[in-house]
N, C-alpha and C. Protein backbone atom coordinates (compact mmCIF):
# COMPACT_ATOMS: atom_id res chain seq x y z
N MET A 1 0.84 -1.19 0.00
CA MET A 1 0.00 0.00 0.00
C MET A 1 0.88 1.24 0.00
N GLY A 2 0.52 2.25 -0.77
CA GLY A 2 1.31 3.47 -0.89
C GLY A 2 1.10 4.43 0.26
N ASP A 3 1.88 5.48 0.23
CA ASP A 3 1.73 6.54 1.22
C ASP A 3 0.42 7.27 0.97
N ARG A 4 -0.13 7.84 2.01
CA ARG A 4 -1.32 8.68 1.88
C ARG A 4 -0.84 10.13 1.82
N ILE A 5 -1.27 10.84 0.78
CA ILE A 5 -0.90 12.24 0.59
C ILE A 5 -2.18 13.06 0.58
N VAL A 6 -2.24 14.06 1.46
CA VAL A 6 -3.39 14.96 1.54
C VAL A 6 -2.95 16.33 1.06
N ASN A 7 -3.61 16.84 0.05
CA ASN A 7 -3.28 18.12 -0.56
C ASN A 7 -4.05 19.23 0.16
N LEU A 8 -3.35 20.04 0.95
CA LEU A 8 -3.99 21.12 1.69
C LEU A 8 -3.94 22.45 0.95
N THR A 9 -3.56 22.43 -0.33
CA THR A 9 -3.60 23.64 -1.16
C THR A 9 -4.97 23.69 -1.84
N PRO A 10 -5.35 24.84 -2.40
CA PRO A 10 -6.69 24.95 -2.98
C PRO A 10 -6.83 24.44 -4.42
N HIS A 11 -5.79 23.80 -4.98
CA HIS A 11 -5.87 23.37 -6.37
C HIS A 11 -5.28 21.98 -6.54
N ASP A 12 -5.65 21.30 -7.63
CA ASP A 12 -5.06 20.00 -7.94
C ASP A 12 -3.55 20.13 -7.98
N MET A 13 -2.86 19.14 -7.44
CA MET A 13 -1.39 19.10 -7.50
C MET A 13 -1.02 18.10 -8.59
N HIS A 14 -0.52 18.61 -9.72
CA HIS A 14 -0.08 17.77 -10.84
C HIS A 14 1.40 17.45 -10.65
N VAL A 15 1.72 16.16 -10.62
CA VAL A 15 3.10 15.72 -10.48
C VAL A 15 3.51 15.09 -11.81
N TYR A 16 4.55 15.66 -12.42
CA TYR A 16 4.99 15.24 -13.75
C TYR A 16 6.19 14.31 -13.65
N PRO A 17 6.47 13.56 -14.72
CA PRO A 17 7.64 12.66 -14.72
C PRO A 17 8.93 13.43 -14.51
N ALA A 18 9.95 12.75 -14.01
CA ALA A 18 11.25 13.36 -13.70
C ALA A 18 11.89 13.99 -14.94
N ASP A 19 11.62 13.45 -16.12
CA ASP A 19 12.24 13.99 -17.35
C ASP A 19 11.40 15.06 -18.03
N CYS A 20 10.33 15.52 -17.39
CA CYS A 20 9.48 16.56 -17.95
C CYS A 20 10.26 17.88 -18.00
N PRO A 21 10.18 18.61 -19.10
CA PRO A 21 10.85 19.92 -19.17
C PRO A 21 10.27 20.92 -18.16
N ASP A 22 11.00 21.98 -17.91
CA ASP A 22 10.56 23.03 -16.99
C ASP A 22 9.30 23.74 -17.49
N ARG A 23 9.17 23.88 -18.81
CA ARG A 23 8.01 24.56 -19.41
C ARG A 23 7.39 23.65 -20.46
N ILE A 24 6.07 23.55 -20.38
CA ILE A 24 5.35 22.69 -21.33
C ILE A 24 4.04 23.36 -21.75
N GLU A 25 3.53 22.90 -22.86
CA GLU A 25 2.16 23.25 -23.25
C GLU A 25 1.24 22.34 -22.43
N PRO A 26 0.30 22.91 -21.65
CA PRO A 26 -0.59 22.06 -20.85
C PRO A 26 -1.26 21.00 -21.71
N GLY A 27 -1.26 19.78 -21.21
CA GLY A 27 -1.85 18.66 -21.93
C GLY A 27 -0.87 17.92 -22.82
N SER A 28 0.32 18.48 -23.05
CA SER A 28 1.29 17.82 -23.93
C SER A 28 2.00 16.67 -23.23
N ILE A 29 2.09 16.71 -21.92
CA ILE A 29 2.69 15.64 -21.13
C ILE A 29 1.72 15.32 -20.00
N GLN A 30 1.42 14.05 -19.85
CA GLN A 30 0.49 13.64 -18.81
C GLN A 30 1.21 13.55 -17.46
N PRO A 31 0.59 14.07 -16.39
CA PRO A 31 1.19 13.91 -15.07
C PRO A 31 1.18 12.46 -14.64
N ILE A 32 2.12 12.09 -13.78
CA ILE A 32 2.15 10.73 -13.24
C ILE A 32 1.18 10.59 -12.08
N ALA A 33 0.78 11.73 -11.51
CA ALA A 33 -0.22 11.72 -10.43
C ALA A 33 -0.90 13.08 -10.39
N VAL A 34 -2.17 13.07 -10.04
CA VAL A 34 -2.92 14.30 -9.78
C VAL A 34 -3.55 14.13 -8.40
N ILE A 35 -3.15 14.99 -7.48
CA ILE A 35 -3.63 14.89 -6.11
C ILE A 35 -4.65 16.00 -5.90
N PRO A 36 -5.93 15.63 -5.74
CA PRO A 36 -6.97 16.66 -5.61
C PRO A 36 -6.85 17.39 -4.27
N PRO A 37 -7.37 18.62 -4.21
CA PRO A 37 -7.33 19.34 -2.94
C PRO A 37 -8.27 18.71 -1.92
N ALA A 38 -7.89 18.82 -0.67
CA ALA A 38 -8.75 18.37 0.42
C ALA A 38 -9.96 19.31 0.50
N PRO A 39 -11.01 18.92 1.19
CA PRO A 39 -12.15 19.83 1.36
C PRO A 39 -11.71 21.16 1.96
N ALA A 40 -12.44 22.22 1.62
CA ALA A 40 -12.07 23.59 2.01
C ALA A 40 -11.80 23.72 3.51
N GLU A 41 -12.54 23.02 4.34
CA GLU A 41 -12.36 23.16 5.78
C GLU A 41 -11.04 22.58 6.28
N MET A 42 -10.36 21.80 5.44
CA MET A 42 -9.06 21.23 5.83
C MET A 42 -7.88 22.04 5.32
N ARG A 43 -8.10 23.02 4.46
CA ARG A 43 -6.99 23.76 3.86
C ARG A 43 -6.13 24.42 4.92
N ALA A 44 -4.88 24.68 4.57
CA ALA A 44 -3.91 25.22 5.52
C ALA A 44 -3.35 26.55 5.04
N PRO A 45 -4.17 27.62 5.07
CA PRO A 45 -3.63 28.92 4.67
C PRO A 45 -2.67 29.44 5.73
N LEU A 46 -1.83 30.36 5.34
CA LEU A 46 -0.88 30.96 6.27
C LEU A 46 -1.59 32.00 7.12
N ASP A 47 -1.43 31.90 8.42
CA ASP A 47 -1.98 32.91 9.33
C ASP A 47 -0.91 33.97 9.56
N LYS A 48 -1.32 35.23 9.52
CA LYS A 48 -0.36 36.31 9.72
C LYS A 48 -1.05 37.48 10.40
N THR A 49 -0.23 38.31 11.02
CA THR A 49 -0.71 39.52 11.66
C THR A 49 0.02 40.71 11.04
N ARG A 50 -0.71 41.72 10.65
CA ARG A 50 -0.09 42.96 10.16
C ARG A 50 0.26 43.79 11.38
N LEU A 51 1.54 44.01 11.60
CA LEU A 51 2.00 44.73 12.78
C LEU A 51 1.94 46.24 12.57
N ARG A 52 2.34 46.69 11.39
CA ARG A 52 2.31 48.12 11.09
C ARG A 52 2.62 48.31 9.61
N ALA A 53 2.41 49.52 9.15
CA ALA A 53 2.77 49.86 7.78
C ALA A 53 4.20 50.37 7.75
N PHE A 54 4.92 49.97 6.74
CA PHE A 54 6.28 50.44 6.48
C PHE A 54 6.13 51.59 5.48
N PRO A 55 7.07 52.52 5.42
CA PRO A 55 6.95 53.57 4.40
C PRO A 55 6.83 52.94 3.01
N PRO A 56 5.94 53.48 2.18
CA PRO A 56 5.74 52.88 0.86
C PRO A 56 6.98 53.01 -0.03
N LEU A 57 7.07 52.11 -0.99
CA LEU A 57 8.11 52.18 -2.00
C LEU A 57 7.54 52.92 -3.20
N THR A 58 8.37 53.70 -3.86
CA THR A 58 7.92 54.39 -5.07
C THR A 58 8.59 53.73 -6.26
N PHE A 59 7.75 53.30 -7.20
CA PHE A 59 8.25 52.64 -8.40
C PHE A 59 7.40 53.09 -9.57
N GLY A 60 8.05 53.59 -10.59
CA GLY A 60 7.32 54.02 -11.79
C GLY A 60 6.27 55.07 -11.50
N GLY A 61 6.51 55.92 -10.50
CA GLY A 61 5.56 56.97 -10.15
C GLY A 61 4.44 56.52 -9.23
N ALA A 62 4.41 55.26 -8.86
CA ALA A 62 3.35 54.75 -7.98
C ALA A 62 3.91 54.45 -6.60
N ASP A 63 3.14 54.76 -5.56
CA ASP A 63 3.50 54.38 -4.19
C ASP A 63 2.95 52.98 -3.93
N ILE A 64 3.84 52.07 -3.55
CA ILE A 64 3.45 50.68 -3.31
C ILE A 64 3.49 50.43 -1.81
N PRO A 65 2.36 50.06 -1.21
CA PRO A 65 2.34 49.82 0.24
C PRO A 65 3.23 48.64 0.63
N VAL A 66 3.85 48.75 1.80
CA VAL A 66 4.65 47.66 2.38
C VAL A 66 4.20 47.51 3.82
N ASN A 67 3.85 46.29 4.20
CA ASN A 67 3.41 46.01 5.57
C ASN A 67 4.45 45.18 6.30
N VAL A 68 4.59 45.42 7.58
CA VAL A 68 5.40 44.57 8.44
C VAL A 68 4.44 43.50 8.95
N VAL A 69 4.72 42.24 8.62
CA VAL A 69 3.83 41.15 9.00
C VAL A 69 4.58 40.10 9.80
N GLN A 70 3.85 39.43 10.65
CA GLN A 70 4.40 38.31 11.42
C GLN A 70 3.62 37.07 11.03
N HIS A 71 4.34 36.04 10.57
CA HIS A 71 3.70 34.79 10.16
C HIS A 71 3.61 33.85 11.36
N HIS A 72 2.46 33.21 11.48
CA HIS A 72 2.21 32.31 12.61
C HIS A 72 2.05 30.87 12.17
N GLY A 73 2.31 30.58 10.94
CA GLY A 73 2.03 29.24 10.45
C GLY A 73 0.56 29.14 10.09
N SER A 74 -0.02 27.99 10.26
CA SER A 74 -1.43 27.79 9.95
C SER A 74 -2.13 27.18 11.14
N SER A 75 -3.15 27.86 11.61
CA SER A 75 -3.91 27.34 12.75
C SER A 75 -4.78 26.16 12.34
N ASN A 76 -4.94 25.97 11.04
CA ASN A 76 -5.81 24.91 10.53
C ASN A 76 -5.03 23.67 10.09
N LEU A 77 -3.73 23.63 10.37
CA LEU A 77 -2.90 22.50 9.94
C LEU A 77 -3.27 21.27 10.76
N PRO A 78 -3.62 20.16 10.10
CA PRO A 78 -3.97 18.95 10.85
C PRO A 78 -2.79 18.42 11.67
N ALA A 79 -3.09 17.74 12.73
CA ALA A 79 -2.06 17.09 13.54
C ALA A 79 -1.40 15.99 12.72
N PRO A 80 -0.11 15.71 12.99
CA PRO A 80 0.54 14.61 12.28
C PRO A 80 -0.21 13.29 12.48
N GLU A 81 -0.21 12.47 11.42
CA GLU A 81 -0.83 11.15 11.46
C GLU A 81 0.17 10.15 10.89
N PRO A 82 0.32 8.99 11.50
CA PRO A 82 1.23 7.99 10.94
C PRO A 82 0.86 7.65 9.50
N GLY A 83 1.86 7.66 8.62
CA GLY A 83 1.66 7.28 7.23
C GLY A 83 1.01 8.33 6.36
N VAL A 84 0.83 9.57 6.88
CA VAL A 84 0.16 10.62 6.11
C VAL A 84 1.12 11.78 5.89
N TRP A 85 1.19 12.23 4.63
CA TRP A 85 1.96 13.41 4.24
C TRP A 85 0.97 14.50 3.86
N PHE A 86 1.29 15.76 4.17
CA PHE A 86 0.43 16.89 3.84
C PHE A 86 1.16 17.81 2.87
N VAL A 87 0.55 18.10 1.72
CA VAL A 87 1.10 19.04 0.76
C VAL A 87 0.61 20.44 1.16
N VAL A 88 1.57 21.36 1.34
CA VAL A 88 1.25 22.72 1.74
C VAL A 88 2.06 23.70 0.90
N ALA A 89 1.68 24.96 0.95
CA ALA A 89 2.47 26.01 0.30
C ALA A 89 3.79 26.16 1.05
N LEU A 90 4.82 26.61 0.34
CA LEU A 90 6.14 26.78 0.92
C LEU A 90 6.11 27.65 2.17
N VAL A 91 5.36 28.75 2.14
CA VAL A 91 5.33 29.64 3.30
C VAL A 91 4.75 28.95 4.53
N VAL A 92 3.80 28.05 4.33
CA VAL A 92 3.23 27.30 5.45
C VAL A 92 4.29 26.35 6.02
N ALA A 93 5.00 25.64 5.15
CA ALA A 93 6.04 24.72 5.61
C ALA A 93 7.15 25.48 6.34
N LEU A 94 7.55 26.65 5.83
CA LEU A 94 8.59 27.43 6.48
C LEU A 94 8.17 27.91 7.87
N ALA A 95 6.88 28.12 8.06
CA ALA A 95 6.38 28.55 9.36
C ALA A 95 6.28 27.38 10.35
N HIS A 96 6.45 26.16 9.87
CA HIS A 96 6.39 24.95 10.71
C HIS A 96 7.64 24.11 10.46
N PRO A 97 8.84 24.63 10.77
CA PRO A 97 10.08 23.94 10.39
C PRO A 97 10.31 22.59 11.06
N ASN A 98 9.63 22.32 12.15
CA ASN A 98 9.86 21.04 12.85
C ASN A 98 8.86 19.96 12.46
N ARG A 99 7.91 20.29 11.60
CA ARG A 99 6.96 19.26 11.15
C ARG A 99 7.67 18.35 10.16
N ARG A 100 7.60 17.06 10.40
CA ARG A 100 8.28 16.07 9.56
C ARG A 100 7.36 15.48 8.49
N ASP A 101 6.14 16.01 8.38
CA ASP A 101 5.15 15.42 7.48
C ASP A 101 4.64 16.40 6.43
N LEU A 102 5.35 17.51 6.22
CA LEU A 102 4.89 18.52 5.27
C LEU A 102 5.69 18.45 3.98
N LEU A 103 4.99 18.41 2.87
CA LEU A 103 5.59 18.40 1.54
C LEU A 103 5.30 19.72 0.85
N VAL A 104 6.26 20.20 0.07
CA VAL A 104 6.04 21.38 -0.77
C VAL A 104 6.39 21.02 -2.20
N PRO A 105 5.71 21.62 -3.17
CA PRO A 105 6.06 21.36 -4.57
C PRO A 105 7.51 21.75 -4.83
N ASP A 106 8.25 20.91 -5.54
CA ASP A 106 9.64 21.18 -5.88
C ASP A 106 9.81 20.89 -7.38
N GLU A 107 10.83 21.44 -7.98
CA GLU A 107 11.10 21.26 -9.40
C GLU A 107 9.85 21.62 -10.22
N ALA A 108 9.52 22.90 -10.17
CA ALA A 108 8.29 23.41 -10.80
C ALA A 108 8.22 23.11 -12.28
N VAL A 109 7.01 22.82 -12.72
CA VAL A 109 6.69 22.72 -14.15
C VAL A 109 5.74 23.88 -14.44
N ARG A 110 6.09 24.67 -15.45
CA ARG A 110 5.31 25.86 -15.79
C ARG A 110 4.75 25.75 -17.20
N ASN A 111 3.65 26.48 -17.43
CA ASN A 111 3.15 26.54 -18.80
C ASN A 111 4.02 27.50 -19.60
N LEU A 112 3.75 27.64 -20.89
CA LEU A 112 4.60 28.47 -21.74
C LEU A 112 4.55 29.95 -21.36
N GLY A 113 3.50 30.35 -20.64
CA GLY A 113 3.39 31.72 -20.15
C GLY A 113 4.12 31.95 -18.84
N GLY A 114 4.64 30.88 -18.23
CA GLY A 114 5.41 31.01 -17.01
C GLY A 114 4.65 30.72 -15.72
N SER A 115 3.35 30.41 -15.80
CA SER A 115 2.58 30.08 -14.59
C SER A 115 2.83 28.64 -14.18
N MET A 116 2.97 28.42 -12.89
CA MET A 116 3.21 27.07 -12.39
C MET A 116 1.97 26.21 -12.58
N ILE A 117 2.16 25.03 -13.17
CA ILE A 117 1.04 24.11 -13.39
C ILE A 117 1.26 22.78 -12.67
N GLY A 118 2.42 22.60 -12.06
CA GLY A 118 2.71 21.36 -11.36
C GLY A 118 4.16 21.30 -10.93
N CYS A 119 4.59 20.10 -10.58
CA CYS A 119 5.97 19.89 -10.13
C CYS A 119 6.42 18.50 -10.55
N ARG A 120 7.73 18.28 -10.41
CA ARG A 120 8.29 16.95 -10.71
C ARG A 120 8.61 16.17 -9.44
N SER A 121 8.60 16.86 -8.32
CA SER A 121 8.91 16.20 -7.04
C SER A 121 8.36 17.04 -5.91
N PHE A 122 8.47 16.51 -4.70
CA PHE A 122 8.13 17.25 -3.49
C PHE A 122 9.40 17.47 -2.69
N GLY A 123 9.40 18.53 -1.91
CA GLY A 123 10.50 18.82 -1.01
C GLY A 123 10.02 18.77 0.43
N VAL A 124 10.95 18.52 1.33
CA VAL A 124 10.68 18.57 2.78
C VAL A 124 11.73 19.48 3.40
N SER A 125 11.40 20.05 4.56
CA SER A 125 12.35 20.94 5.23
C SER A 125 13.52 20.10 5.76
N PRO A 126 14.68 20.75 6.01
CA PRO A 126 15.82 20.00 6.54
C PRO A 126 15.51 19.24 7.83
N GLY A 127 14.57 19.78 8.62
CA GLY A 127 14.17 19.08 9.84
C GLY A 127 13.13 18.02 9.57
N GLY A 128 12.65 17.96 8.33
CA GLY A 128 11.60 17.01 7.98
C GLY A 128 12.17 15.73 7.43
N GLY A 129 11.40 15.07 6.64
CA GLY A 129 11.86 13.83 6.02
C GLY A 129 11.09 12.63 6.52
N ARG A 130 11.54 11.48 6.12
CA ARG A 130 10.85 10.24 6.46
C ARG A 130 10.70 10.11 7.96
N ARG A 131 9.50 9.85 8.36
CA ARG A 131 9.21 9.75 9.80
C ARG A 131 9.42 8.34 10.29
N GLY A 132 9.74 8.30 11.60
CA GLY A 132 9.77 7.13 12.40
C GLY A 132 10.32 5.91 11.94
């Protein structure tokens, strides 16, 4: 029996073969796996607090707001379960560096316009990896 992978992101996670190019026309290469998102109530968005406004940056004549934020991880992240891996956004995994069960998309596959459409592998934090 394989590992159980729960996708806590809001979109299908397409995993492509190791030899897939970095950029492809969608549909030209079939993914080796498509992991659907978990129900909305299980998703793991990043929780953050806006502490204050930083002076805006001026670029091209426009003032761009900058906020000082503190990331708290995700209050909705499920507790670890034996044999279960959770796919999360990189910022969520970085906010939980000691979790050994969090996967992030690695080796991005993008469409010809440059938008990410999947990955060729998953990454774990240095403190993560195969459990127990």
